């Protein structure tokens, strides 16, 4: 065990996250940020220096995050980032969960979990796997590699086979770009109104697009997580037709995910929107549509980005997000009215 996946709970202020990363760097220089509320740390080079094991270091991190910053955290400790992340997702809040670096222990942990618990496995893949009776990680691990490759394709089948056996070649990259970008909106009170929910999604899509373009990256998939009044959650992931950082495309997919959930009577406490499967914007292919409205929207979007970079992120906002949702995307600068972003 040498990898820590640290999830910090209820970070109301995004500026706290860098301070928590600095806290982690006191234990190891190999820290990778996972904004807005998580991080990976490789402590293999620190164990001898501190004269302890990885779970004990994780307990120290958790105690210091709570004592110095008043932040609760859940930490998974495992042999690789995938397993550490799954431990956090599967465990109770505000705890340290450790998985011994032993094949039998790894198999026992993974076997009863649903296939959807594996990172990158969305609803479409789950449906495909379930149609073949491969609805749990244990059954995936028992399936021959050739079977998975026939069902999912050569590359995806190999990746699924390795993941079902607890194998993950991903390294912790200090200072490297996060593999995903996540933004959240917490309602002031449990929200039933569909239009206010959609306005919040518009604000999240706008923030997500701004961050993607600011980092010159594009997303190939989008994940919507809905937290309800009873603290249960629903997560849905869909792929984009092409990798993009264009806010209207992100908004359209976010609305589609929301519509598919059919939340007519659900009391929603928060939304989280995550851009997944990122790549450098220069590598993202773009279908030429020869649509003057699309080109105009992209030019306006670039102008809006320049204005925000100069005068602040609240200078220009989507019109719908401005109506009664000021806490979610920031108030406009004095003297500036809300302006719509072309759809």
Foldseek 3Di string as FASTA:
>chain_A
DFKKKKFWPDPLDQVCQVVLQVLVVVQPLLKADAPRGIIMDGNPVRCVVVVHDDLVVVVVSQVCCCVVPVIAMEMAAEDDDQNGVLCRVPDDTRYYHYQDHDQVSQLVVQFAAFLVSGPPQFPVNCVLCVVVVRGGLNSLQVDDLVVQCVSPNNPVSVVSNCVSSVDDPDDRHRPDDHQKYKAKDFDPFFDQDPLLVLLLLLLRLLVQLLVCVVVQKWFQKKKKWWAFPVRDIDIHMDGQPWTGSQSVSSSVVSVVVVVVVVRNPTRTGMMMMMRHPMDGNVPTDDDDDPDVLVVVLVVLSVVLSVCCVVQNQQQEGAPSNPPPNCSRRHHHDPPHDYDHRRD
